[in-house]
C-alpha atoms as a PDB file:
ATOM      1  CA  MET A   1      11.119 -12.313  -2.636  1.00  0.00           C
ATOM      2  CA  ASN A   2      12.434 -15.292  -0.785  1.00  0.00           C
ATOM      3  CA  ASP A   3      10.647 -17.718   1.424  1.00  0.00           C
ATOM      4  CA  THR A   4      12.143 -19.217   4.639  1.00  0.00           C
ATOM      5  CA  ALA A   5      14.058 -21.774   2.590  1.00  0.00           C
ATOM      6  CA  GLY A   6      15.601 -19.056   0.432  1.00  0.00           C
ATOM      7  CA  GLN A   7      13.529 -19.956  -2.710  1.00  0.00           C
ATOM      8  CA  LYS A   8      11.903 -17.199  -4.777  1.00  0.00           C
ATOM      9  CA  MET A   9       8.223 -16.664  -3.801  1.00  0.00           C
ATOM     10  CA  ALA A  10       6.142 -14.587  -6.157  1.00  0.00           C
ATOM     11  CA  LEU A  11       2.811 -12.989  -5.665  1.00  0.00           C
ATOM     12  CA  ASP A  12       0.063 -15.440  -6.299  1.00  0.00           C
ATOM     13  CA  ILE A  13      -3.341 -13.970  -7.422  1.00  0.00           C
ATOM     14  CA  THR A  14      -6.102 -16.488  -7.973  1.00  0.00           C
ATOM     15  CA  PRO A  15      -9.749 -15.721  -9.104  1.00  0.00           C
ATOM     16  CA  ILE A  16     -12.437 -17.314  -7.006  1.00  0.00           C
ATOM     17  CA  GLU A  17     -15.256 -18.886  -8.993  1.00  0.00           C
ATOM     18  CA  HIS A  18     -16.837 -21.146  -6.376  1.00  0.00           C
ATOM     19  CA  ARG A  19     -17.135 -21.121  -2.568  1.00  0.00           C
ATOM     20  CA  ASP A  20     -15.301 -24.487  -2.531  1.00  0.00           C
ATOM     21  CA  GLN A  21     -12.141 -22.479  -3.421  1.00  0.00           C
ATOM     22  CA  VAL A  22     -12.351 -20.642  -0.072  1.00  0.00           C
ATOM     23  CA  ASP A  23     -10.531 -22.826   2.331  1.00  0.00           C
ATOM     24  CA  LEU A  24      -9.843 -20.719   5.441  1.00  0.00           C
ATOM     25  CA  GLN A  25     -12.730 -20.492   7.925  1.00  0.00           C
ATOM     26  CA  SER A  26     -12.238 -16.791   8.480  1.00  0.00           C
ATOM     27  CA  HIS A  27     -12.290 -16.221   4.715  1.00  0.00           C
ATOM     28  CA  ARG A  28     -15.432 -18.344   4.301  1.00  0.00           C
ATOM     29  CA  LEU A  29     -17.266 -16.275   7.011  1.00  0.00           C
ATOM     30  CA  LEU A  30     -16.540 -13.143   5.001  1.00  0.00           C
ATOM     31  CA  TYR A  31     -17.179 -14.731   1.647  1.00  0.00           C
ATOM     32  CA  ASP A  32     -20.525 -15.984   2.729  1.00  0.00           C
ATOM     33  CA  TYR A  33     -21.602 -12.602   4.067  1.00  0.00           C
ATOM     34  CA  TRP A  34     -20.529 -10.978   0.792  1.00  0.00           C
ATOM     35  CA  ASP A  35     -22.222 -13.630  -1.239  1.00  0.00           C
ATOM     36  CA  ARG A  36     -25.533 -13.217   0.571  1.00  0.00           C
ATOM     37  CA  LEU A  37     -25.402  -9.488  -0.010  1.00  0.00           C
ATOM     38  CA  ARG A  38     -24.748  -9.690  -3.681  1.00  0.00           C
ATOM     39  CA  ALA A  39     -27.750 -12.075  -4.331  1.00  0.00           C
ATOM     40  CA  GLY A  40     -26.629 -13.015  -7.782  1.00  0.00           C
ATOM     41  CA  MET A  41     -25.153  -9.736  -8.878  1.00  0.00           C
ATOM     42  CA  ALA A  42     -21.423  -9.310  -9.701  1.00  0.00           C
ATOM     43  CA  CYS A  43     -20.935  -7.606  -6.299  1.00  0.00           C
ATOM     44  CA  PRO A  44     -22.813  -5.971  -3.483  1.00  0.00           C
ATOM     45  CA  GLY A  45     -22.967  -2.325  -2.867  1.00  0.00           C
ATOM     46  CA  TYR A  46     -20.911  -0.616  -0.186  1.00  0.00           C
ATOM     47  CA  ASP A  47     -24.154   0.828   1.034  1.00  0.00           C
ATOM     48  CA  GLN A  48     -25.366  -2.704   1.906  1.00  0.00           C
ATOM     49  CA  ILE A  49     -22.458  -3.460   4.284  1.00  0.00           C
ATOM     50  CA  ASP A  50     -23.520  -3.539   7.937  1.00  0.00           C
ATOM     51  CA  VAL A  51     -20.547  -4.022  10.255  1.00  0.00           C
ATOM     52  CA  LEU A  52     -22.978  -5.686  12.779  1.00  0.00           C
ATOM     53  CA  GLY A  53     -23.568  -8.399  10.187  1.00  0.00           C
ATOM     54  CA  ILE A  54     -19.948  -9.380  10.009  1.00  0.00           C
ATOM     55  CA  ASP A  55     -18.634 -11.922  12.546  1.00  0.00           C
ATOM     56  CA  ARG A  56     -16.845  -9.860  15.165  1.00  0.00           C
ATOM     57  CA  SER A  57     -13.780 -12.166  15.163  1.00  0.00           C
ATOM     58  CA  LEU A  58     -12.985 -10.977  11.580  1.00  0.00           C
ATOM     59  CA  LEU A  59     -12.973  -7.289  12.335  1.00  0.00           C
ATOM     60  CA  PRO A  60      -9.349  -6.913  13.296  1.00  0.00           C
ATOM     61  CA  TRP A  61      -8.384  -8.685  10.121  1.00  0.00           C
ATOM     62  CA  LEU A  62     -10.411  -6.691   7.664  1.00  0.00           C
ATOM     63  CA  MET A  63      -9.533  -3.712   5.449  1.00  0.00           C
ATOM     64  CA  LEU A  64     -11.640  -1.635   3.252  1.00  0.00           C
ATOM     65  CA  ALA A  65      -9.882   0.182   0.344  1.00  0.00           C
ATOM     66  CA  GLU A  66     -11.626   2.670  -1.949  1.00  0.00           C
ATOM     67  CA  VAL A  67     -10.670   3.081  -5.524  1.00  0.00           C
ATOM     68  CA  ASP A  68      -9.523   6.700  -6.241  1.00  0.00           C
ATOM     69  CA  ARG A  69      -9.551   6.881 -10.035  1.00  0.00           C
ATOM     70  CA  GLU A  70      -8.569  10.468 -10.162  1.00  0.00           C
ATOM     71  CA  ARG A  71      -5.467   9.883  -8.207  1.00  0.00           C
ATOM     72  CA  ASP A  72      -5.024   6.321  -9.617  1.00  0.00           C
ATOM     73  CA  ASP A  73      -4.486   4.997  -6.089  1.00  0.00           C
ATOM     74  CA  TYR A  74      -6.372   3.137  -3.310  1.00  0.00           C
ATOM     75  CA  LEU A  75      -7.381   4.902  -0.055  1.00  0.00           C
ATOM     76  CA  TYR A  76      -7.517   2.638   3.037  1.00  0.00           C
ATOM     77  CA  ARG A  77     -10.844   3.712   4.549  1.00  0.00           C
ATOM     78  CA  VAL A  78     -10.627   1.193   7.328  1.00  0.00           C
ATOM     79  CA  VAL A  79      -7.774  -1.165   8.416  1.00  0.00           C
ATOM     80  CA  GLY A  80      -8.277  -3.586  11.331  1.00  0.00           C
ATOM     81  CA  THR A  81      -6.044  -3.439  14.387  1.00  0.00           C
ATOM     82  CA  GLY A  82      -4.636  -6.958  13.753  1.00  0.00           C
ATOM     83  CA  ILE A  83      -3.369  -5.844  10.263  1.00  0.00           C
ATOM     84  CA  ASP A  84      -1.998  -2.654  11.650  1.00  0.00           C
ATOM     85  CA  ASP A  85      -0.122  -4.588  14.314  1.00  0.00           C
ATOM     86  CA  HIS A  86       1.485  -6.795  11.727  1.00  0.00           C
ATOM     87  CA  ASN A  87       2.346  -3.922   9.464  1.00  0.00           C
ATOM     88  CA  GLY A  88       3.695  -1.875  12.325  1.00  0.00           C
ATOM     89  CA  PHE A  89       1.839   1.320  11.386  1.00  0.00           C
ATOM     90  CA  PHE A  90      -1.687   2.774  11.351  1.00  0.00           C
ATOM     91  CA  ALA A  91      -2.957   2.757   7.703  1.00  0.00           C
ATOM     92  CA  THR A  92      -6.593   3.951   7.983  1.00  0.00           C
ATOM     93  CA  GLY A  93      -7.096   7.251   6.057  1.00  0.00           C
ATOM     94  CA  GLN A  94      -3.835   6.815   4.064  1.00  0.00           C
ATOM     95  CA  TYR A  95      -3.281   6.035   0.413  1.00  0.00           C
ATOM     96  CA  LEU A  96      -1.574   2.887  -0.579  1.00  0.00           C
ATOM     97  CA  SER A  97       1.131   4.847  -2.415  1.00  0.00           C
ATOM     98  CA  ASP A  98       1.862   6.730   0.879  1.00  0.00           C
ATOM     99  CA  VAL A  99       2.042   3.950   3.483  1.00  0.00           C
ATOM    100  CA  PRO A 100       5.408   2.559   4.440  1.00  0.00           C
ATOM    101  CA  LEU A 101       4.589  -0.932   3.079  1.00  0.00           C
ATOM    102  CA  ALA A 102       7.344  -3.085   1.535  1.00  0.00           C
ATOM    103  CA  ASN A 103       4.853  -5.020  -0.648  1.00  0.00           C
ATOM    104  CA  LYS A 104       2.996  -2.042  -2.215  1.00  0.00           C
ATOM    105  CA  ALA A 105       3.366  -3.456  -5.778  1.00  0.00           C
ATOM    106  CA  ASP A 106       1.814  -6.775  -4.534  1.00  0.00           C
ATOM    107  CA  MET A 107      -1.143  -4.943  -3.001  1.00  0.00           C
ATOM    108  CA  ARG A 108      -1.574  -2.750  -5.964  1.00  0.00           C
ATOM    109  CA  ALA A 109      -1.548  -5.729  -8.400  1.00  0.00           C
ATOM    110  CA  SER A 110      -4.153  -7.551  -6.199  1.00  0.00           C
ATOM    111  CA  PHE A 111      -6.441  -4.610  -5.927  1.00  0.00           C
ATOM    112  CA  ASP A 112      -6.069  -3.776  -9.655  1.00  0.00           C
ATOM    113  CA  ARG A 113      -7.040  -7.367 -10.661  1.00  0.00           C
ATOM    114  CA  VAL A 114     -10.234  -7.270  -8.474  1.00  0.00           C
ATOM    115  CA  VAL A 115     -11.236  -3.940  -9.919  1.00  0.00           C
ATOM    116  CA  ALA A 116     -10.509  -4.983 -13.511  1.00  0.00           C
ATOM    117  CA  THR A 117     -12.392  -8.379 -13.322  1.00  0.00           C
ATOM    118  CA  ARG A 118     -15.200  -7.380 -10.691  1.00  0.00           C
ATOM    119  CA  GLN A 119     -14.468 -10.871  -9.317  1.00  0.00           C
ATOM    120  CA  PRO A 120     -13.290 -12.145  -5.873  1.00  0.00           C
ATOM    121  CA  HIS A 121      -9.594 -13.182  -5.692  1.00  0.00           C
ATOM    122  CA  PHE A 122      -7.128 -14.741  -3.263  1.00  0.00           C
ATOM    123  CA  SER A 123      -3.690 -13.274  -3.101  1.00  0.00           C
ATOM    124  CA  ALA A 124      -0.845 -14.653  -1.240  1.00  0.00           C
ATOM    125  CA  SER A 125       2.647 -13.259  -0.864  1.00  0.00           C
ATOM    126  CA  ARG A 126       5.656 -13.499   1.515  1.00  0.00           C
ATOM    127  CA  TYR A 127       5.060 -12.058   4.975  1.00  0.00           C
ATOM    128  CA  ILE A 128       6.963  -8.815   5.365  1.00  0.00           C
ATOM    129  CA  GLY A 129       5.478  -7.579   8.730  1.00  0.00           C
ATOM    130  CA  VAL A 130       7.099  -6.854  12.052  1.00  0.00           C
ATOM    131  CA  HIS A 131       6.647 -10.388  13.608  1.00  0.00           C
ATOM    132  CA  ARG A 132       9.433 -12.773  12.687  1.00  0.00           C
ATOM    133  CA  ASN A 133       7.470 -16.020  13.236  1.00  0.00           C
ATOM    134  CA  PHE A 134       5.327 -15.593  10.194  1.00  0.00           C
ATOM    135  CA  LYS A 135       5.951 -16.569   6.590  1.00  0.00           C
ATOM    136  CA  LEU A 136       2.947 -15.893   4.447  1.00  0.00           C
ATOM    137  CA  ALA A 137       0.096 -13.312   4.093  1.00  0.00           C
ATOM    138  CA  ARG A 138      -3.058 -14.707   2.489  1.00  0.00           C
ATOM    139  CA  ARG A 139      -5.870 -12.318   1.423  1.00  0.00           C
ATOM    140  CA  LEU A 140      -9.381 -12.705   0.368  1.00  0.00           C
ATOM    141  CA  LEU A 141     -10.308  -9.709  -1.800  1.00  0.00           C
ATOM    142  CA  LEU A 142     -13.960  -9.042  -2.507  1.00  0.00           C
ATOM    143  CA  PRO A 143     -15.275  -6.241  -4.859  1.00  0.00           C
ATOM    144  CA  LEU A 144     -17.959  -3.784  -3.746  1.00  0.00           C
ATOM    145  CA  SER A 145     -19.701  -1.207  -5.907  1.00  0.00           C
ATOM    146  CA  ARG A 146     -20.736   2.165  -4.426  1.00  0.00           C
ATOM    147  CA  THR A 147     -24.338   1.115  -4.611  1.00  0.00           C
ATOM    148  CA  ARG A 148     -26.053  -2.173  -5.520  1.00  0.00           C
ATOM    149  CA  ALA A 149     -27.373  -0.657  -8.711  1.00  0.00           C
ATOM    150  CA  GLU A 150     -23.992   0.789  -9.906  1.00  0.00           C
ATOM    151  CA  GLN A 151     -21.934  -2.379 -10.215  1.00  0.00           C
ATOM    152  CA  ASP A 152     -18.719  -0.495 -10.862  1.00  0.00           C
ATOM    153  CA  VAL A 153     -16.104  -1.627  -8.391  1.00  0.00           C
ATOM    154  CA  THR A 154     -15.310   1.367  -6.106  1.00  0.00           C
ATOM    155  CA  PHE A 155     -14.348  -0.536  -2.906  1.00  0.00           C
ATOM    156  CA  ILE A 156     -12.438  -3.698  -2.031  1.00  0.00           C
ATOM    157  CA  VAL A 157     -13.078  -5.478   1.265  1.00  0.00           C
ATOM    158  CA  CYS A 158     -10.111  -7.681   2.170  1.00  0.00           C
ATOM    159  CA  ALA A 159      -9.649 -10.332   4.907  1.00  0.00           C
ATOM    160  CA  VAL A 160      -5.985 -11.056   5.777  1.00  0.00           C
ATOM    161  CA  ASP A 161      -4.628 -14.160   7.428  1.00  0.00           C
ATOM    162  CA  PHE A 162      -1.009 -14.467   8.404  1.00  0.00           C
ATOM    163  CA  ILE A 163       0.440 -17.978   8.389  1.00  0.00           C
ATOM    164  CA  GLN A 164       3.060 -18.886  10.904  1.00  0.00           C
ATOM    165  CA  VAL A 165       6.383 -20.654  10.239  1.00  0.00           C
END
Protein backbone atom coordinates (compact mmCIF):
# COMPACT_ATOMS: atom_id res chain seq x y z
CA MET A 1 0.00 0.00 0.00
CA ASN A 2 1.36 3.44 -0.90
CA ASP A 3 0.18 6.81 0.30
CA THR A 4 0.01 9.89 -1.96
CA ALA A 5 3.77 10.51 -1.51
CA GLY A 6 4.53 6.96 -2.66
CA GLN A 7 5.54 5.75 0.80
CA LYS A 8 4.40 2.43 2.20
CA MET A 9 1.26 2.77 4.38
CA ALA A 10 0.32 -0.23 6.50
CA LEU A 11 -2.91 -0.94 8.30
CA ASP A 12 -2.92 0.65 11.74
CA ILE A 13 -5.13 -1.01 14.37
CA THR A 14 -5.12 0.67 17.78
CA PRO A 15 -7.07 -0.38 20.87
CA ILE A 16 -9.14 2.29 22.59
CA GLU A 17 -8.86 2.34 26.35
CA HIS A 18 -10.17 5.84 27.09
CA ARG A 19 -12.62 8.22 25.45
CA ASP A 20 -9.80 10.78 25.15
CA GLN A 21 -8.34 8.63 22.36
CA VAL A 22 -11.43 9.23 20.21
CA ASP A 23 -10.58 12.43 18.36
CA LEU A 24 -13.10 12.73 15.52
CA GLN A 25 -16.45 14.26 16.49
CA SER A 26 -18.43 11.70 14.50
CA HIS A 27 -16.57 8.87 16.22
CA ARG A 28 -17.10 10.46 19.65
CA LEU A 29 -20.86 10.60 19.08
CA LEU A 30 -20.97 6.88 18.35
CA TYR A 31 -18.50 5.97 21.10
CA ASP A 32 -20.50 7.92 23.68
CA TYR A 33 -23.74 6.19 22.61
CA TRP A 34 -22.05 2.76 22.77
CA ASP A 35 -20.44 3.56 26.14
CA ARG A 36 -23.78 4.60 27.67
CA LEU A 37 -25.36 1.34 26.53
CA ARG A 38 -22.63 -0.89 27.90
CA ALA A 39 -22.84 0.70 31.38
CA GLY A 40 -19.63 -0.84 32.70
CA MET A 41 -19.85 -4.15 30.78
CA ALA A 42 -17.29 -5.14 28.14
CA CYS A 43 -19.81 -4.37 25.42
CA PRO A 44 -23.52 -3.67 25.02
CA GLY A 45 -25.93 -6.11 23.45
CA TYR A 46 -27.12 -5.80 19.88
CA ASP A 47 -30.62 -5.99 21.33
CA GLN A 48 -29.99 -2.64 23.09
CA ILE A 49 -29.24 -0.70 19.90
CA ASP A 50 -31.97 1.71 18.91
CA VAL A 51 -31.28 3.47 15.62
CA LEU A 52 -33.40 6.40 16.86
CA GLY A 53 -30.84 6.92 19.64
CA ILE A 54 -27.97 7.36 17.18
CA ASP A 55 -27.26 10.83 15.79
CA ARG A 56 -28.83 10.88 12.31
CA SER A 57 -25.74 12.47 10.75
CA LEU A 58 -23.83 9.24 11.49
CA LEU A 59 -26.20 6.81 9.78
CA PRO A 60 -24.71 7.06 6.24
CA TRP A 61 -21.27 6.32 7.73
CA LEU A 62 -22.14 3.29 9.87
CA MET A 63 -21.91 -0.40 9.17
CA LEU A 64 -22.99 -3.37 11.22
CA ALA A 65 -21.17 -6.64 10.64
CA GLU A 66 -22.23 -9.96 12.16
CA VAL A 67 -19.69 -12.62 13.07
CA ASP A 68 -20.46 -15.89 11.26
CA ARG A 69 -18.32 -18.41 13.12
CA GLU A 70 -19.57 -21.37 11.10
CA ARG A 71 -18.49 -19.77 7.85
CA ASP A 72 -15.50 -17.96 9.43
CA ASP A 73 -16.61 -14.72 7.83
CA TYR A 74 -18.42 -11.45 8.53
CA LEU A 75 -21.87 -10.66 7.17
CA TYR A 76 -22.60 -7.00 6.47
CA ARG A 77 -26.06 -6.62 8.03
CA VAL A 78 -26.25 -2.88 7.32
CA VAL A 79 -23.91 -0.59 5.42
CA GLY A 80 -24.63 3.13 5.24
CA THR A 81 -25.19 4.86 1.93
CA GLY A 82 -22.11 7.07 2.36
CA ILE A 83 -19.88 4.01 2.72
CA ASP A 84 -21.52 2.30 -0.27
CA ASP A 85 -20.96 5.46 -2.32
CA HIS A 86 -17.25 5.46 -1.52
CA ASN A 87 -16.91 1.72 -2.11
CA GLY A 88 -18.81 1.85 -5.38
CA PHE A 89 -21.10 -1.09 -4.54
CA PHE A 90 -23.99 -2.09 -2.26
CA ALA A 91 -22.65 -4.30 0.56
CA THR A 92 -25.66 -4.84 2.84
CA GLY A 93 -26.48 -8.55 3.03
CA GLN A 94 -23.13 -9.68 1.60
CA TYR A 95 -20.24 -11.45 3.27
CA LEU A 96 -16.89 -9.70 3.56
CA SER A 97 -15.28 -12.51 1.56
CA ASP A 98 -17.73 -11.92 -1.32
CA VAL A 99 -17.64 -8.13 -1.72
CA PRO A 100 -15.38 -6.60 -4.39
CA LEU A 101 -13.30 -4.76 -1.80
CA ALA A 102 -9.59 -4.27 -2.41
CA ASN A 103 -8.79 -4.05 1.31
CA LYS A 104 -10.59 -7.20 2.52
CA ALA A 105 -7.52 -8.33 4.44
CA ASP A 106 -7.44 -5.02 6.34
CA MET A 107 -11.13 -5.22 7.19
CA ARG A 108 -10.76 -8.85 8.25
CA ALA A 109 -7.78 -8.03 10.47
CA SER A 110 -9.67 -5.13 12.08
CA PHE A 111 -12.81 -7.18 12.71
CA ASP A 112 -10.80 -10.15 14.02
CA ARG A 113 -8.97 -7.93 16.50
CA VAL A 114 -12.21 -6.50 17.91
CA VAL A 115 -13.74 -9.97 18.26
CA ALA A 116 -10.63 -11.43 19.91
CA THR A 117 -10.17 -8.60 22.42
CA ARG A 118 -13.82 -7.57 22.96
CA GLN A 119 -12.44 -4.03 22.97
CA PRO A 120 -13.04 -0.94 20.80
CA HIS A 121 -10.38 -0.19 18.19
CA PHE A 122 -9.46 2.38 15.60
CA SER A 123 -8.23 1.19 12.28
CA ALA A 124 -6.77 3.35 9.55
CA SER A 125 -5.67 2.38 6.08
CA ARG A 126 -5.08 3.84 2.67
CA TYR A 127 -8.29 4.94 0.94
CA ILE A 128 -9.12 2.60 -1.95
CA GLY A 129 -12.58 3.88 -2.90
CA VAL A 130 -13.92 5.37 -6.12
CA HIS A 131 -13.29 9.04 -5.26
CA ARG A 132 -9.77 10.24 -6.14
CA ASN A 133 -9.58 13.18 -3.70
CA PHE A 134 -9.38 11.02 -0.56
CA LYS A 135 -6.30 9.43 0.97
CA LEU A 136 -7.26 7.71 4.22
CA ALA A 137 -10.11 5.67 5.71
CA ARG A 138 -10.40 5.84 9.51
CA ARG A 139 -12.72 3.47 11.32
CA LEU A 140 -14.03 3.26 14.86
CA LEU A 141 -14.91 -0.38 15.55
CA LEU A 142 -17.07 -1.22 18.56
CA PRO A 143 -17.96 -4.72 19.77
CA LEU A 144 -21.54 -5.82 20.44
CA SER A 145 -22.76 -9.06 21.97
CA ARG A 146 -26.00 -10.68 20.84
CA THR A 147 -27.56 -9.74 24.18
CA ARG A 148 -26.28 -7.73 27.13
CA ALA A 149 -26.07 -10.90 29.24
CA GLU A 150 -24.13 -12.89 26.64
CA GLN A 151 -20.92 -10.80 26.38
CA ASP A 152 -19.59 -12.83 23.44
CA VAL A 153 -18.85 -10.54 20.50
CA THR A 154 -21.25 -11.37 17.69
CA PHE A 155 -21.57 -7.98 15.99
CA ILE A 156 -19.29 -5.05 15.23
CA VAL A 157 -20.60 -1.56 14.67
CA CYS A 158 -18.22 0.60 12.69
CA ALA A 159 -18.15 4.31 11.89
CA VAL A 160 -16.06 5.27 8.86
CA ASP A 161 -14.54 8.64 8.13
CA PHE A 162 -12.79 9.35 4.83
CA ILE A 163 -9.98 11.91 4.96
CA GLN A 164 -9.42 14.12 1.91
CA VAL A 165 -6.08 14.87 0.32
